[in-house]
């Protein structure tokens, strides 16, 4: 019987599977979105959610648990400093899987796993950057389109 034997094997032995999952979870936390195959995305979704739940508690013990799983200290810092506070009022469902279609090389179905709300953070950052460029151009007494055209030529 298969009682309590859930999870995805991903056609790998236990060591390479754990290493793959740790790397993907670290990438999702650092970059807030990763494009991968659907089985891998489904395998890392509960792990990412668990890491964010640890970050919401923010004790020394949870920091050490996260540091033992994640691969870089920068990802642990980002997890506890930004993501833990961002999802503090949310009680679950921190990630979303979006299907993207089939990969050209081998036909594997691709998916993007991203943190919920990351698109709003990215848009706000882009909007602030454009506004700052516009204000800088106004201070220098020129049009903001000139600056964007110069960047496109580079």
N, C-alpha and C. Protein backbone atom coordinates (compact mmCIF):
# COMPACT_ATOMS: atom_id res chain seq x y z
N UNK A 1 0.83 -1.18 0.00
CA UNK A 1 0.00 0.00 0.00
C UNK A 1 0.88 1.25 0.00
N UNK A 2 0.32 2.35 -0.54
CA UNK A 2 1.10 3.57 -0.69
C UNK A 2 0.69 4.64 0.32
N UNK A 3 0.27 4.28 1.48
CA UNK A 3 -0.17 5.28 2.44
C UNK A 3 0.99 6.20 2.83
N UNK A 4 0.72 7.50 2.83
CA UNK A 4 1.68 8.54 3.23
C UNK A 4 2.96 8.49 2.42
N UNK A 5 2.85 8.16 1.15
CA UNK A 5 4.02 8.11 0.26
C UNK A 5 3.87 9.14 -0.86
N UNK A 6 3.46 10.35 -0.52
CA UNK A 6 3.26 11.37 -1.53
C UNK A 6 4.58 11.96 -1.99
N UNK A 7 4.49 12.79 -3.00
CA UNK A 7 5.67 13.48 -3.50
C UNK A 7 5.99 13.08 -4.92
N UNK A 8 6.98 13.72 -5.48
CA UNK A 8 7.37 13.52 -6.87
C UNK A 8 8.78 12.97 -6.90
N UNK A 9 9.01 11.92 -7.68
CA UNK A 9 10.36 11.35 -7.77
C UNK A 9 11.19 12.04 -8.84
N UNK A 10 10.57 12.56 -9.87
CA UNK A 10 11.24 13.32 -10.93
C UNK A 10 12.35 12.52 -11.63
N UNK A 11 12.25 11.20 -11.61
CA UNK A 11 13.21 10.30 -12.27
C UNK A 11 14.65 10.52 -11.79
N UNK A 12 14.81 10.79 -10.50
CA UNK A 12 16.14 11.01 -9.93
C UNK A 12 16.27 10.23 -8.63
N UNK A 13 17.51 9.96 -8.26
CA UNK A 13 17.71 9.35 -6.95
C UNK A 13 17.55 10.43 -5.87
N UNK A 14 17.55 10.03 -4.63
CA UNK A 14 17.19 10.94 -3.54
C UNK A 14 18.14 12.12 -3.41
N UNK A 15 19.43 11.88 -3.63
CA UNK A 15 20.40 12.98 -3.48
C UNK A 15 20.24 14.04 -4.54
N UNK A 16 20.14 13.61 -5.80
CA UNK A 16 19.99 14.61 -6.86
C UNK A 16 18.62 15.26 -6.82
N UNK A 17 17.60 14.54 -6.37
CA UNK A 17 16.27 15.13 -6.26
C UNK A 17 16.27 16.22 -5.19
N UNK A 18 16.85 15.94 -4.02
CA UNK A 18 16.91 16.96 -2.96
C UNK A 18 17.71 18.16 -3.40
N UNK A 19 18.80 17.93 -4.08
CA UNK A 19 19.63 19.03 -4.55
C UNK A 19 18.89 19.88 -5.59
N UNK A 20 18.16 19.24 -6.49
CA UNK A 20 17.37 19.96 -7.49
C UNK A 20 16.30 20.80 -6.82
N UNK A 21 15.58 20.23 -5.86
CA UNK A 21 14.51 20.95 -5.19
C UNK A 21 15.04 22.12 -4.37
N UNK A 22 16.16 21.92 -3.69
CA UNK A 22 16.75 23.02 -2.92
C UNK A 22 17.17 24.16 -3.85
N UNK A 23 17.76 23.82 -4.99
CA UNK A 23 18.17 24.85 -5.94
C UNK A 23 16.98 25.61 -6.51
N UNK A 24 15.91 24.91 -6.85
CA UNK A 24 14.74 25.58 -7.39
C UNK A 24 14.05 26.46 -6.35
N UNK A 25 13.95 25.98 -5.13
CA UNK A 25 13.33 26.78 -4.07
C UNK A 25 14.16 28.04 -3.81
N UNK A 26 15.47 27.89 -3.78
CA UNK A 26 16.34 29.05 -3.59
C UNK A 26 16.16 30.06 -4.73
N UNK A 27 16.05 29.57 -5.96
CA UNK A 27 15.86 30.46 -7.10
C UNK A 27 14.52 31.18 -7.04
N UNK A 28 13.47 30.48 -6.64
CA UNK A 28 12.15 31.13 -6.53
C UNK A 28 12.19 32.23 -5.48
N UNK A 29 12.87 31.99 -4.38
CA UNK A 29 12.92 33.00 -3.32
C UNK A 29 13.76 34.19 -3.75
N UNK A 30 14.86 33.95 -4.44
CA UNK A 30 15.72 35.06 -4.87
C UNK A 30 15.10 35.86 -6.01
N UNK A 31 14.57 35.18 -7.03
CA UNK A 31 14.10 35.85 -8.23
C UNK A 31 12.60 36.06 -8.27
N UNK A 32 11.86 35.45 -7.37
CA UNK A 32 10.41 35.53 -7.22
C UNK A 32 9.64 34.87 -8.36
N UNK A 33 10.31 34.33 -9.36
CA UNK A 33 9.66 33.53 -10.38
C UNK A 33 10.70 32.70 -11.12
N UNK A 34 10.30 31.48 -11.50
CA UNK A 34 11.20 30.56 -12.19
C UNK A 34 10.38 29.83 -13.24
N UNK A 35 10.97 29.63 -14.41
CA UNK A 35 10.33 28.84 -15.46
C UNK A 35 10.95 27.45 -15.44
N UNK A 36 10.09 26.44 -15.30
CA UNK A 36 10.54 25.06 -15.20
C UNK A 36 9.44 24.16 -15.77
N UNK A 37 9.57 22.85 -15.61
CA UNK A 37 8.52 21.95 -16.08
C UNK A 37 7.42 21.84 -15.03
N UNK A 38 6.28 21.35 -15.44
CA UNK A 38 5.13 21.28 -14.54
C UNK A 38 5.37 20.35 -13.35
N UNK A 39 5.91 19.14 -13.53
CA UNK A 39 6.13 18.30 -12.34
C UNK A 39 7.10 18.92 -11.33
N UNK A 40 8.13 19.60 -11.82
CA UNK A 40 9.07 20.25 -10.89
C UNK A 40 8.38 21.41 -10.17
N UNK A 41 7.56 22.16 -10.89
CA UNK A 41 6.85 23.28 -10.26
C UNK A 41 5.89 22.77 -9.18
N UNK A 42 5.20 21.66 -9.48
CA UNK A 42 4.29 21.10 -8.49
C UNK A 42 5.05 20.53 -7.29
N UNK A 43 6.27 20.06 -7.52
CA UNK A 43 7.06 19.49 -6.43
C UNK A 43 7.58 20.58 -5.50
N UNK A 44 7.94 21.75 -6.03
CA UNK A 44 8.52 22.79 -5.17
C UNK A 44 7.49 23.71 -4.54
N UNK A 45 6.27 23.70 -5.03
CA UNK A 45 5.24 24.60 -4.49
C UNK A 45 5.05 24.44 -2.97
N UNK A 46 4.87 23.23 -2.43
CA UNK A 46 4.72 23.13 -0.98
C UNK A 46 5.99 23.50 -0.22
N UNK A 47 7.15 23.29 -0.83
CA UNK A 47 8.41 23.64 -0.16
C UNK A 47 8.57 25.15 -0.04
N UNK A 48 8.23 25.88 -1.11
CA UNK A 48 8.31 27.34 -1.07
C UNK A 48 7.31 27.89 -0.06
N UNK A 49 6.10 27.33 -0.06
CA UNK A 49 5.10 27.77 0.90
C UNK A 49 5.56 27.53 2.34
N UNK A 50 6.22 26.40 2.57
CA UNK A 50 6.72 26.10 3.91
C UNK A 50 7.83 27.08 4.32
N UNK A 51 8.70 27.44 3.39
CA UNK A 51 9.76 28.41 3.70
C UNK A 51 9.17 29.77 4.08
N UNK A 52 8.12 30.19 3.38
CA UNK A 52 7.50 31.47 3.69
C UNK A 52 6.79 31.40 5.04
N UNK A 53 6.20 30.26 5.36
CA UNK A 53 5.59 30.09 6.67
C UNK A 53 6.63 30.18 7.78
N UNK A 54 7.81 29.61 7.54
CA UNK A 54 8.90 29.76 8.51
C UNK A 54 9.29 31.23 8.67
N UNK A 55 9.33 31.96 7.56
CA UNK A 55 9.74 33.36 7.60
C UNK A 55 8.74 34.22 8.35
N UNK A 56 7.48 33.84 8.34
CA UNK A 56 6.47 34.61 9.06
C UNK A 56 6.68 34.51 10.57
N UNK A 57 7.19 33.38 11.05
CA UNK A 57 7.44 33.23 12.50
C UNK A 57 8.68 34.00 12.93
N UNK A 58 9.74 33.97 12.14
CA UNK A 58 10.97 34.74 12.34
C UNK A 58 11.56 34.60 13.74
N UNK A 59 11.94 33.38 14.08
CA UNK A 59 12.69 33.14 15.31
C UNK A 59 14.06 32.61 14.91
N UNK A 60 14.94 32.48 15.85
CA UNK A 60 16.26 31.95 15.56
C UNK A 60 16.16 30.52 15.02
N UNK A 61 15.27 29.75 15.61
CA UNK A 61 15.11 28.36 15.18
C UNK A 61 14.62 28.28 13.73
N UNK A 62 13.64 29.12 13.36
CA UNK A 62 13.14 29.08 11.98
C UNK A 62 14.18 29.60 10.99
N UNK A 63 14.99 30.57 11.43
CA UNK A 63 16.08 31.05 10.56
C UNK A 63 17.09 29.93 10.29
N UNK A 64 17.39 29.16 11.32
CA UNK A 64 18.34 28.06 11.13
C UNK A 64 17.74 26.95 10.27
N UNK A 65 16.45 26.69 10.42
CA UNK A 65 15.80 25.69 9.57
C UNK A 65 15.84 26.12 8.11
N UNK A 66 15.55 27.38 7.85
CA UNK A 66 15.57 27.88 6.48
C UNK A 66 17.00 27.88 5.93
N UNK A 67 17.96 28.26 6.74
CA UNK A 67 19.36 28.29 6.30
C UNK A 67 19.87 26.89 6.00
N UNK A 68 19.35 25.88 6.69
CA UNK A 68 19.75 24.51 6.43
C UNK A 68 19.21 24.02 5.09
N UNK A 69 18.08 24.57 4.65
CA UNK A 69 17.48 24.11 3.40
C UNK A 69 17.92 24.95 2.21
N UNK A 70 17.95 26.26 2.35
CA UNK A 70 18.30 27.14 1.24
C UNK A 70 19.81 27.13 1.01
N UNK A 71 20.21 27.47 -0.22
CA UNK A 71 21.61 27.32 -0.59
C UNK A 71 22.46 28.56 -0.36
N UNK A 72 21.86 29.75 -0.35
CA UNK A 72 22.65 30.97 -0.21
C UNK A 72 22.17 31.78 0.99
N UNK A 73 23.10 32.44 1.67
CA UNK A 73 22.70 33.33 2.77
C UNK A 73 21.85 34.50 2.30
N UNK A 74 22.06 34.95 1.05
CA UNK A 74 21.27 36.07 0.53
C UNK A 74 19.79 35.68 0.41
N UNK A 75 19.53 34.44 0.05
CA UNK A 75 18.13 34.00 -0.06
C UNK A 75 17.47 33.93 1.32
N UNK A 76 18.23 33.52 2.33
CA UNK A 76 17.68 33.48 3.69
C UNK A 76 17.37 34.89 4.16
N UNK A 77 18.27 35.81 3.89
CA UNK A 77 18.06 37.21 4.28
C UNK A 77 16.83 37.79 3.60
N UNK A 78 16.70 37.56 2.29
CA UNK A 78 15.54 38.08 1.57
C UNK A 78 14.25 37.43 2.07
N UNK A 79 14.31 36.14 2.34
CA UNK A 79 13.14 35.42 2.83
C UNK A 79 12.60 36.04 4.11
N UNK A 80 13.48 36.30 5.06
CA UNK A 80 13.03 36.80 6.35
C UNK A 80 12.80 38.31 6.35
N UNK A 81 13.58 39.06 5.58
CA UNK A 81 13.44 40.52 5.61
C UNK A 81 12.27 41.01 4.77
N UNK A 82 12.11 40.48 3.56
CA UNK A 82 11.07 41.02 2.68
C UNK A 82 9.86 40.12 2.55
N UNK A 83 10.08 38.84 2.29
CA UNK A 83 8.94 37.96 2.02
C UNK A 83 8.13 37.66 3.27
N UNK A 84 8.79 37.51 4.40
CA UNK A 84 8.07 37.24 5.64
C UNK A 84 7.14 38.38 6.01
N UNK A 85 7.59 39.60 5.81
CA UNK A 85 6.74 40.75 6.13
C UNK A 85 5.67 40.95 5.06
N UNK A 86 6.00 40.66 3.79
CA UNK A 86 5.02 40.85 2.72
C UNK A 86 3.83 39.91 2.87
N UNK A 87 4.09 38.67 3.29
CA UNK A 87 3.02 37.68 3.42
C UNK A 87 2.57 37.50 4.87
N UNK A 88 2.86 38.45 5.73
CA UNK A 88 2.54 38.32 7.14
C UNK A 88 1.06 38.17 7.43
N UNK A 89 0.20 38.84 6.69
CA UNK A 89 -1.24 38.79 6.92
C UNK A 89 -1.93 37.70 6.11
N UNK A 90 -1.20 37.05 5.22
CA UNK A 90 -1.79 36.03 4.35
C UNK A 90 -1.66 34.67 5.02
N UNK A 91 -2.71 33.86 4.95
CA UNK A 91 -2.69 32.59 5.67
C UNK A 91 -2.34 31.40 4.80
N UNK A 92 -1.88 31.60 3.60
CA UNK A 92 -1.48 30.49 2.74
C UNK A 92 -1.60 30.89 1.29
N UNK A 93 -1.22 29.98 0.40
CA UNK A 93 -1.32 30.25 -1.03
C UNK A 93 -0.36 31.33 -1.48
N UNK A 94 0.91 31.14 -1.20
CA UNK A 94 1.91 32.16 -1.50
C UNK A 94 2.45 32.05 -2.92
N UNK A 95 2.22 30.93 -3.58
CA UNK A 95 2.77 30.72 -4.92
C UNK A 95 1.65 30.42 -5.91
N UNK A 96 1.99 30.64 -7.18
CA UNK A 96 1.06 30.37 -8.26
C UNK A 96 1.82 29.69 -9.37
N UNK A 97 1.20 28.70 -10.01
CA UNK A 97 1.79 28.01 -11.15
C UNK A 97 1.00 28.39 -12.39
N UNK A 98 1.70 28.95 -13.39
CA UNK A 98 1.08 29.36 -14.64
C UNK A 98 1.67 28.50 -15.75
N UNK A 99 0.82 27.81 -16.50
CA UNK A 99 1.29 26.97 -17.59
C UNK A 99 1.64 27.84 -18.79
N UNK A 100 2.78 27.54 -19.42
CA UNK A 100 3.28 28.38 -20.50
C UNK A 100 3.26 27.72 -21.87
N UNK A 101 3.00 26.45 -21.94
CA UNK A 101 3.02 25.76 -23.24
C UNK A 101 4.16 24.76 -23.27
N UNK A 102 4.48 24.32 -24.46
CA UNK A 102 5.45 23.24 -24.62
C UNK A 102 6.81 23.78 -25.04
N UNK A 103 7.87 23.17 -24.52
CA UNK A 103 9.23 23.56 -24.86
C UNK A 103 9.54 23.05 -26.25
N UNK A 104 10.29 23.84 -27.01
CA UNK A 104 10.55 23.50 -28.40
C UNK A 104 11.45 22.28 -28.54
N UNK A 105 12.44 22.14 -27.71
CA UNK A 105 13.43 21.08 -27.87
C UNK A 105 12.89 19.68 -27.66
N UNK A 106 12.27 19.45 -26.51
CA UNK A 106 11.83 18.09 -26.18
C UNK A 106 10.34 17.97 -25.98
N UNK A 107 9.59 19.05 -26.11
CA UNK A 107 8.14 18.99 -25.99
C UNK A 107 7.63 18.94 -24.56
N UNK A 108 8.50 19.19 -23.58
CA UNK A 108 8.06 19.17 -22.18
C UNK A 108 7.18 20.40 -21.92
N UNK A 109 6.14 20.20 -21.13
CA UNK A 109 5.24 21.30 -20.82
C UNK A 109 5.89 22.20 -19.77
N UNK A 110 5.99 23.48 -20.11
CA UNK A 110 6.65 24.45 -19.25
C UNK A 110 5.64 25.13 -18.34
N UNK A 111 6.11 25.58 -17.20
CA UNK A 111 5.28 26.34 -16.27
C UNK A 111 6.15 27.37 -15.57
N UNK A 112 5.51 28.45 -15.17
CA UNK A 112 6.20 29.47 -14.39
C UNK A 112 5.62 29.42 -12.99
N UNK A 113 6.48 29.23 -12.01
CA UNK A 113 6.04 29.31 -10.62
C UNK A 113 6.52 30.64 -10.08
N UNK A 114 5.60 31.40 -9.51
CA UNK A 114 5.94 32.73 -9.02
C UNK A 114 5.25 32.98 -7.70
N UNK A 115 5.80 33.92 -6.97
CA UNK A 115 5.19 34.33 -5.71
C UNK A 115 4.02 35.25 -6.01
N UNK A 116 2.93 35.06 -5.31
CA UNK A 116 1.75 35.89 -5.50
C UNK A 116 2.08 37.31 -5.08
N UNK A 117 1.74 38.26 -5.91
CA UNK A 117 2.02 39.65 -5.60
C UNK A 117 3.34 40.14 -6.14
N UNK A 118 4.18 39.25 -6.68
CA UNK A 118 5.47 39.70 -7.20
C UNK A 118 5.31 40.56 -8.44
N UNK A 119 4.25 40.31 -9.23
CA UNK A 119 4.03 41.13 -10.42
C UNK A 119 3.70 42.56 -10.02
N UNK A 120 3.03 42.75 -8.89
CA UNK A 120 2.73 44.10 -8.43
C UNK A 120 3.98 44.79 -7.94
N UNK A 121 4.86 44.07 -7.27
CA UNK A 121 6.10 44.64 -6.79
C UNK A 121 6.98 45.05 -7.96
N UNK A 122 7.06 44.19 -8.98
CA UNK A 122 7.88 44.50 -10.15
C UNK A 122 7.32 45.71 -10.89
N UNK A 123 5.99 45.77 -11.06
CA UNK A 123 5.39 46.90 -11.76
C UNK A 123 5.63 48.19 -10.99
N UNK A 124 5.51 48.15 -9.68
CA UNK A 124 5.72 49.34 -8.87
C UNK A 124 7.17 49.81 -8.98
N UNK A 125 8.11 48.85 -8.99
CA UNK A 125 9.52 49.21 -9.12
C UNK A 125 9.79 49.82 -10.49
N UNK A 126 9.22 49.25 -11.55
CA UNK A 126 9.40 49.81 -12.89
C UNK A 126 8.79 51.19 -12.99
N UNK A 127 7.61 51.36 -12.39
CA UNK A 127 6.95 52.65 -12.44
C UNK A 127 7.78 53.70 -11.69
N UNK A 128 8.35 53.34 -10.55
CA UNK A 128 9.18 54.28 -9.78
C UNK A 128 10.44 54.64 -10.56
N UNK A 129 11.01 53.65 -11.25
CA UNK A 129 12.22 53.91 -12.03
C UNK A 129 11.92 54.87 -13.19
N UNK A 130 10.81 54.65 -13.89
CA UNK A 130 10.44 55.55 -14.99
C UNK A 130 10.17 56.95 -14.48
N UNK A 131 9.51 57.05 -13.32
CA UNK A 131 9.21 58.37 -12.76
C UNK A 131 10.49 59.10 -12.39
N UNK A 132 11.42 58.38 -11.81
CA UNK A 132 12.69 58.99 -11.43
C UNK A 132 13.46 59.46 -12.66
N UNK A 133 13.45 58.67 -13.72
CA UNK A 133 14.11 59.08 -14.96
C UNK A 133 13.45 60.34 -15.53
N UNK A 134 12.13 60.39 -15.47
CA UNK A 134 11.40 61.54 -15.98
C UNK A 134 11.74 62.79 -15.18
N UNK A 135 11.79 62.67 -13.84
CA UNK A 135 12.13 63.82 -13.00
C UNK A 135 13.57 64.27 -13.24
N UNK A 136 14.47 63.32 -13.43
CA UNK A 136 15.86 63.65 -13.70
C UNK A 136 15.99 64.41 -15.02
N UNK A 137 15.24 63.96 -16.01
CA UNK A 137 15.27 64.63 -17.31
C UNK A 137 14.70 66.04 -17.22
N UNK A 138 13.66 66.23 -16.42
CA UNK A 138 13.08 67.56 -16.25
C UNK A 138 14.04 68.50 -15.56
N UNK A 139 14.80 67.98 -14.58
CA UNK A 139 15.78 68.81 -13.89
C UNK A 139 16.89 69.26 -14.83
N UNK A 140 17.26 68.40 -15.74
CA UNK A 140 18.32 68.74 -16.69
C UNK A 140 17.80 69.55 -17.86
N UNK A 141 16.49 69.71 -17.95
CA UNK A 141 15.90 70.54 -18.99
C UNK A 141 15.81 69.87 -20.34
N UNK A 142 15.59 68.60 -20.39
CA UNK A 142 15.42 67.92 -21.67
C UNK A 142 14.24 66.98 -21.58
N UNK A 143 13.88 66.44 -22.71
CA UNK A 143 12.73 65.54 -22.79
C UNK A 143 13.12 64.14 -22.31
N UNK A 144 12.23 63.42 -21.64
CA UNK A 144 12.56 62.07 -21.18
C UNK A 144 12.67 61.06 -22.31
N UNK A 145 12.06 61.31 -23.49
CA UNK A 145 12.14 60.37 -24.60
C UNK A 145 13.57 60.24 -25.12
N UNK A 146 14.34 61.33 -25.04
CA UNK A 146 15.73 61.28 -25.52
C UNK A 146 16.53 60.23 -24.77
N UNK A 147 16.34 60.18 -23.48
CA UNK A 147 17.08 59.25 -22.64
C UNK A 147 16.71 57.80 -22.96
N UNK A 148 15.43 57.54 -23.19
CA UNK A 148 15.02 56.16 -23.50
C UNK A 148 15.51 55.75 -24.88
N UNK A 149 15.57 56.68 -25.82
CA UNK A 149 16.09 56.36 -27.15
C UNK A 149 17.57 56.04 -27.09
N UNK A 150 18.31 56.76 -26.26
CA UNK A 150 19.74 56.49 -26.13
C UNK A 150 19.97 55.11 -25.52
N UNK A 151 19.14 54.73 -24.56
CA UNK A 151 19.28 53.40 -23.95
C UNK A 151 18.95 52.30 -24.94
N UNK A 152 17.97 52.53 -25.82
CA UNK A 152 17.60 51.53 -26.81
C UNK A 152 18.71 51.33 -27.84
N UNK A 153 19.42 52.41 -28.18
CA UNK A 153 20.51 52.30 -29.15
C UNK A 153 21.68 51.52 -28.61
N UNK A 154 21.90 51.54 -27.31
CA UNK A 154 23.00 50.81 -26.69
C UNK A 154 22.74 49.37 -26.75
